[in-house]
Amino acid sequence: MVYLAGIIAFAGIIVLNGIFAYQAKNVGLGLKEITEFYMKVSILILLANFFISYGISLAYKHIDNMTFVFALSKFLDVIAILLLSFVFASEIPTLKVIGGLILVVTGLIIIRI
């Protein structure tokens, strides 16, 4: 059940960060363009927020450690950002990014002990 919570939360994180990445790459800086874009994707933002909150709630119900659940959701957020930066901008993570990710994973392990 915890894996299902992670998948649900990760899907919401991917959608939300994907919207932001698409906006940064393809939407102009004018207020009109941004407003029109958000009017079109507002339902996706609502669904992504629902998925994230439901995934976190489901994970907390089974893990019963809010600190670990939020740290895990931030880890999923970092993974989603790395994935989307590769898809939208063709950026490959540097050694510093990989080192930071290792630190995050180490922190998750320490929290869980």
N, C-alpha and C. Protein backbone atom coordinates (compact mmCIF):
# COMPACT_ATOMS: atom_id res chain seq x y z
N MET A 1 0.82 -1.19 0.00
CA MET A 1 0.00 0.00 0.00
C MET A 1 0.86 1.26 0.00
N VAL A 2 2.03 1.16 0.62
CA VAL A 2 2.94 2.30 0.65
C VAL A 2 3.46 2.58 -0.75
N TYR A 3 3.70 1.53 -1.53
CA TYR A 3 4.16 1.72 -2.91
C TYR A 3 3.10 2.41 -3.74
N LEU A 4 1.83 2.06 -3.51
CA LEU A 4 0.74 2.72 -4.22
C LEU A 4 0.70 4.20 -3.86
N ALA A 5 0.91 4.52 -2.59
CA ALA A 5 0.94 5.92 -2.17
C ALA A 5 2.07 6.67 -2.87
N GLY A 6 3.22 6.02 -2.98
CA GLY A 6 4.35 6.65 -3.66
C GLY A 6 4.07 6.86 -5.14
N ILE A 7 3.44 5.90 -5.77
CA ILE A 7 3.12 6.02 -7.19
C ILE A 7 2.11 7.14 -7.42
N ILE A 8 1.09 7.21 -6.56
CA ILE A 8 0.08 8.26 -6.69
C ILE A 8 0.72 9.63 -6.49
N ALA A 9 1.52 9.78 -5.44
CA ALA A 9 2.17 11.07 -5.19
C ALA A 9 3.14 11.42 -6.31
N PHE A 10 3.89 10.44 -6.80
CA PHE A 10 4.85 10.70 -7.88
C PHE A 10 4.14 11.13 -9.16
N ALA A 11 2.98 10.55 -9.44
CA ALA A 11 2.22 10.96 -10.63
C ALA A 11 1.80 12.42 -10.51
N GLY A 12 1.33 12.81 -9.34
CA GLY A 12 0.96 14.22 -9.14
C GLY A 12 2.15 15.15 -9.24
N ILE A 13 3.29 14.73 -8.70
CA ILE A 13 4.50 15.55 -8.75
C ILE A 13 4.97 15.70 -10.20
N ILE A 14 4.92 14.62 -10.97
CA ILE A 14 5.32 14.67 -12.38
C ILE A 14 4.42 15.64 -13.16
N VAL A 15 3.12 15.55 -12.94
CA VAL A 15 2.19 16.43 -13.67
C VAL A 15 2.45 17.89 -13.29
N LEU A 16 2.56 18.17 -12.01
CA LEU A 16 2.75 19.55 -11.56
C LEU A 16 4.08 20.12 -12.05
N ASN A 17 5.15 19.40 -11.89
CA ASN A 17 6.44 19.88 -12.37
C ASN A 17 6.50 19.92 -13.89
N GLY A 18 5.78 19.03 -14.55
CA GLY A 18 5.71 19.06 -16.00
C GLY A 18 5.02 20.32 -16.50
N ILE A 19 3.98 20.74 -15.80
CA ILE A 19 3.30 21.99 -16.16
C ILE A 19 4.26 23.17 -16.02
N PHE A 20 5.01 23.21 -14.93
CA PHE A 20 5.96 24.31 -14.73
C PHE A 20 7.08 24.28 -15.76
N ALA A 21 7.56 23.08 -16.10
CA ALA A 21 8.63 22.97 -17.09
C ALA A 21 8.12 23.39 -18.47
N TYR A 22 6.92 22.98 -18.81
CA TYR A 22 6.35 23.37 -20.09
C TYR A 22 6.17 24.88 -20.16
N GLN A 23 5.71 25.47 -19.05
CA GLN A 23 5.51 26.92 -19.02
C GLN A 23 6.83 27.65 -19.21
N ALA A 24 7.88 27.19 -18.53
CA ALA A 24 9.18 27.85 -18.64
C ALA A 24 9.72 27.78 -20.06
N LYS A 25 9.43 26.70 -20.75
CA LYS A 25 9.99 26.50 -22.10
C LYS A 25 9.12 27.10 -23.20
N ASN A 26 7.81 27.08 -23.06
CA ASN A 26 6.93 27.38 -24.19
C ASN A 26 5.96 28.54 -24.01
N VAL A 27 5.79 29.07 -22.81
CA VAL A 27 4.81 30.13 -22.59
C VAL A 27 5.57 31.44 -22.42
N GLY A 28 5.04 32.50 -23.06
CA GLY A 28 5.67 33.81 -22.98
C GLY A 28 5.64 34.38 -21.57
N LEU A 29 6.34 35.50 -21.40
CA LEU A 29 6.44 36.12 -20.08
C LEU A 29 5.33 37.13 -19.80
N GLY A 30 4.49 37.39 -20.77
CA GLY A 30 3.41 38.36 -20.59
C GLY A 30 2.32 37.82 -19.67
N LEU A 31 1.69 38.72 -18.97
CA LEU A 31 0.63 38.35 -18.02
C LEU A 31 -0.53 37.66 -18.75
N LYS A 32 -0.84 38.13 -19.94
CA LYS A 32 -1.95 37.54 -20.70
C LYS A 32 -1.66 36.09 -21.07
N GLU A 33 -0.43 35.83 -21.56
CA GLU A 33 -0.08 34.46 -21.96
C GLU A 33 -0.08 33.52 -20.77
N ILE A 34 0.47 33.99 -19.65
CA ILE A 34 0.53 33.14 -18.46
C ILE A 34 -0.87 32.87 -17.92
N THR A 35 -1.72 33.90 -17.90
CA THR A 35 -3.09 33.72 -17.42
C THR A 35 -3.86 32.75 -18.29
N GLU A 36 -3.73 32.88 -19.61
CA GLU A 36 -4.41 31.95 -20.52
C GLU A 36 -3.92 30.52 -20.32
N PHE A 37 -2.61 30.38 -20.13
CA PHE A 37 -2.05 29.05 -19.91
C PHE A 37 -2.61 28.42 -18.64
N TYR A 38 -2.65 29.18 -17.55
CA TYR A 38 -3.15 28.62 -16.30
C TYR A 38 -4.65 28.38 -16.32
N MET A 39 -5.38 29.13 -17.12
CA MET A 39 -6.81 28.85 -17.26
C MET A 39 -7.02 27.51 -17.97
N LYS A 40 -6.11 27.19 -18.90
CA LYS A 40 -6.23 25.93 -19.63
C LYS A 40 -5.82 24.73 -18.79
N VAL A 41 -4.84 24.90 -17.92
CA VAL A 41 -4.31 23.74 -17.18
C VAL A 41 -4.75 23.71 -15.72
N SER A 42 -5.70 24.55 -15.34
CA SER A 42 -6.10 24.61 -13.93
C SER A 42 -6.67 23.28 -13.42
N ILE A 43 -7.39 22.55 -14.26
CA ILE A 43 -7.92 21.26 -13.83
C ILE A 43 -6.79 20.25 -13.61
N LEU A 44 -5.75 20.31 -14.44
CA LEU A 44 -4.59 19.42 -14.23
C LEU A 44 -3.88 19.75 -12.92
N ILE A 45 -3.78 21.03 -12.60
CA ILE A 45 -3.15 21.43 -11.33
C ILE A 45 -3.96 20.92 -10.16
N LEU A 46 -5.27 21.03 -10.26
CA LEU A 46 -6.15 20.53 -9.20
C LEU A 46 -6.00 19.02 -9.02
N LEU A 47 -5.98 18.28 -10.12
CA LEU A 47 -5.82 16.82 -10.04
C LEU A 47 -4.44 16.44 -9.50
N ALA A 48 -3.40 17.14 -9.93
CA ALA A 48 -2.05 16.85 -9.44
C ALA A 48 -1.97 17.12 -7.94
N ASN A 49 -2.57 18.21 -7.48
CA ASN A 49 -2.58 18.51 -6.05
C ASN A 49 -3.34 17.44 -5.28
N PHE A 50 -4.43 16.96 -5.83
CA PHE A 50 -5.19 15.88 -5.20
C PHE A 50 -4.35 14.61 -5.10
N PHE A 51 -3.66 14.25 -6.18
CA PHE A 51 -2.82 13.05 -6.17
C PHE A 51 -1.71 13.16 -5.13
N ILE A 52 -1.06 14.31 -5.06
CA ILE A 52 0.02 14.49 -4.10
C ILE A 52 -0.50 14.39 -2.67
N SER A 53 -1.57 15.10 -2.39
CA SER A 53 -2.09 15.08 -1.01
C SER A 53 -2.64 13.71 -0.63
N TYR A 54 -3.29 13.02 -1.57
CA TYR A 54 -3.81 11.68 -1.28
C TYR A 54 -2.66 10.70 -1.08
N GLY A 55 -1.62 10.80 -1.89
CA GLY A 55 -0.47 9.92 -1.73
C GLY A 55 0.23 10.13 -0.40
N ILE A 56 0.38 11.38 0.00
CA ILE A 56 1.02 11.67 1.29
C ILE A 56 0.15 11.18 2.44
N SER A 57 -1.15 11.40 2.35
CA SER A 57 -2.06 10.92 3.41
C SER A 57 -2.05 9.41 3.52
N LEU A 58 -2.06 8.74 2.38
CA LEU A 58 -2.03 7.28 2.38
C LEU A 58 -0.72 6.74 2.94
N ALA A 59 0.38 7.37 2.57
CA ALA A 59 1.68 6.95 3.09
C ALA A 59 1.76 7.18 4.60
N TYR A 60 1.25 8.31 5.07
CA TYR A 60 1.28 8.59 6.51
C TYR A 60 0.42 7.60 7.29
N LYS A 61 -0.68 7.18 6.70
CA LYS A 61 -1.56 6.20 7.36
C LYS A 61 -0.82 4.89 7.61
N HIS A 62 0.08 4.51 6.68
CA HIS A 62 0.76 3.23 6.81
C HIS A 62 2.13 3.33 7.46
N ILE A 63 2.80 4.46 7.31
CA ILE A 63 4.14 4.60 7.89
C ILE A 63 4.09 5.21 9.29
N ASP A 64 3.17 6.13 9.51
CA ASP A 64 2.95 6.79 10.80
C ASP A 64 4.19 7.57 11.26
N ASN A 65 4.86 8.21 10.32
CA ASN A 65 6.00 9.07 10.63
C ASN A 65 5.98 10.20 9.60
N MET A 66 5.43 11.35 10.01
CA MET A 66 5.23 12.45 9.08
C MET A 66 6.55 13.00 8.54
N THR A 67 7.58 13.04 9.36
CA THR A 67 8.88 13.54 8.90
C THR A 67 9.41 12.68 7.76
N PHE A 68 9.33 11.39 7.92
CA PHE A 68 9.80 10.48 6.87
C PHE A 68 8.96 10.60 5.60
N VAL A 69 7.65 10.73 5.77
CA VAL A 69 6.76 10.82 4.60
C VAL A 69 7.06 12.10 3.81
N PHE A 70 7.24 13.23 4.50
CA PHE A 70 7.55 14.47 3.78
C PHE A 70 8.93 14.43 3.15
N ALA A 71 9.89 13.84 3.84
CA ALA A 71 11.23 13.70 3.25
C ALA A 71 11.18 12.81 2.02
N LEU A 72 10.40 11.75 2.10
CA LEU A 72 10.24 10.87 0.94
C LEU A 72 9.55 11.59 -0.23
N SER A 73 8.57 12.43 0.08
CA SER A 73 7.91 13.18 -0.99
C SER A 73 8.87 14.18 -1.63
N LYS A 74 9.75 14.77 -0.84
CA LYS A 74 10.75 15.68 -1.41
C LYS A 74 11.76 14.91 -2.26
N PHE A 75 12.09 13.69 -1.87
CA PHE A 75 12.97 12.85 -2.68
C PHE A 75 12.30 12.55 -4.03
N LEU A 76 11.01 12.22 -4.00
CA LEU A 76 10.28 11.98 -5.25
C LEU A 76 10.24 13.24 -6.10
N ASP A 77 10.14 14.40 -5.44
CA ASP A 77 10.14 15.67 -6.14
C ASP A 77 11.47 15.90 -6.86
N VAL A 78 12.57 15.60 -6.19
CA VAL A 78 13.89 15.76 -6.80
C VAL A 78 14.05 14.81 -7.99
N ILE A 79 13.60 13.59 -7.84
CA ILE A 79 13.67 12.63 -8.95
C ILE A 79 12.84 13.13 -10.14
N ALA A 80 11.65 13.65 -9.86
CA ALA A 80 10.80 14.17 -10.93
C ALA A 80 11.45 15.36 -11.62
N ILE A 81 12.09 16.23 -10.86
CA ILE A 81 12.76 17.39 -11.45
C ILE A 81 13.91 16.94 -12.34
N LEU A 82 14.69 15.97 -11.89
CA LEU A 82 15.77 15.46 -12.73
C LEU A 82 15.24 14.85 -14.02
N LEU A 83 14.18 14.08 -13.91
CA LEU A 83 13.58 13.44 -15.08
C LEU A 83 13.04 14.48 -16.06
N LEU A 84 12.31 15.46 -15.54
CA LEU A 84 11.71 16.47 -16.42
C LEU A 84 12.75 17.42 -17.00
N SER A 85 13.81 17.70 -16.27
CA SER A 85 14.85 18.55 -16.84
C SER A 85 15.56 17.83 -17.98
N PHE A 86 15.65 16.52 -17.90
CA PHE A 86 16.21 15.77 -19.02
C PHE A 86 15.25 15.76 -20.21
N VAL A 87 13.96 15.59 -19.95
CA VAL A 87 12.98 15.51 -21.03
C VAL A 87 12.80 16.87 -21.72
N PHE A 88 12.63 17.94 -20.94
CA PHE A 88 12.33 19.24 -21.53
C PHE A 88 13.57 20.02 -21.96
N ALA A 89 14.68 19.87 -21.26
CA ALA A 89 15.85 20.70 -21.56
C ALA A 89 17.07 19.88 -21.95
N SER A 90 16.94 18.57 -22.00
CA SER A 90 18.06 17.68 -22.34
C SER A 90 19.27 17.89 -21.44
N GLU A 91 19.02 18.17 -20.17
CA GLU A 91 20.09 18.37 -19.19
C GLU A 91 20.41 17.04 -18.52
N ILE A 92 21.69 16.75 -18.44
CA ILE A 92 22.16 15.54 -17.77
C ILE A 92 22.70 15.96 -16.40
N PRO A 93 22.33 15.24 -15.33
CA PRO A 93 22.78 15.63 -13.98
C PRO A 93 24.30 15.62 -13.87
N THR A 94 24.82 16.64 -13.19
CA THR A 94 26.26 16.74 -12.97
C THR A 94 26.64 15.92 -11.74
N LEU A 95 27.91 15.84 -11.47
CA LEU A 95 28.38 15.11 -10.28
C LEU A 95 27.88 15.77 -9.00
N LYS A 96 27.77 17.09 -8.99
CA LYS A 96 27.26 17.77 -7.79
C LYS A 96 25.81 17.39 -7.53
N VAL A 97 25.01 17.27 -8.59
CA VAL A 97 23.61 16.89 -8.43
C VAL A 97 23.51 15.45 -7.92
N ILE A 98 24.31 14.57 -8.48
CA ILE A 98 24.30 13.18 -8.04
C ILE A 98 24.77 13.08 -6.59
N GLY A 99 25.78 13.87 -6.23
CA GLY A 99 26.23 13.90 -4.83
C GLY A 99 25.15 14.39 -3.90
N GLY A 100 24.41 15.41 -4.31
CA GLY A 100 23.29 15.91 -3.50
C GLY A 100 22.20 14.88 -3.35
N LEU A 101 21.93 14.14 -4.41
CA LEU A 101 20.92 13.08 -4.35
C LEU A 101 21.35 11.97 -3.40
N ILE A 102 22.63 11.66 -3.40
CA ILE A 102 23.15 10.66 -2.45
C ILE A 102 22.98 11.15 -1.01
N LEU A 103 23.20 12.45 -0.79
CA LEU A 103 23.00 13.02 0.56
C LEU A 103 21.53 12.93 0.98
N VAL A 104 20.63 13.17 0.05
CA VAL A 104 19.20 13.08 0.36
C VAL A 104 18.83 11.65 0.73
N VAL A 105 19.31 10.68 -0.04
CA VAL A 105 19.03 9.28 0.26
C VAL A 105 19.63 8.88 1.61
N THR A 106 20.82 9.36 1.90
CA THR A 106 21.42 9.09 3.21
C THR A 106 20.59 9.67 4.34
N GLY A 107 20.08 10.88 4.11
CA GLY A 107 19.21 11.50 5.11
C GLY A 107 17.93 10.70 5.32
N LEU A 108 17.36 10.18 4.25
CA LEU A 108 16.15 9.35 4.39
C LEU A 108 16.45 8.08 5.20
N ILE A 109 17.60 7.49 4.95
CA ILE A 109 17.96 6.29 5.70
C ILE A 109 18.15 6.63 7.17
N ILE A 110 18.79 7.74 7.46
CA ILE A 110 19.01 8.14 8.87
C ILE A 110 17.68 8.44 9.55
N ILE A 111 16.76 9.11 8.85
CA ILE A 111 15.44 9.40 9.45
C ILE A 111 14.71 8.11 9.79
N ARG A 112 14.81 7.13 8.91
CA ARG A 112 14.05 5.89 9.08
C ARG A 112 14.60 5.01 10.20
N ILE A 113 15.88 5.15 10.53
CA ILE A 113 16.49 4.29 11.57
C ILE A 113 15.92 4.60 12.92
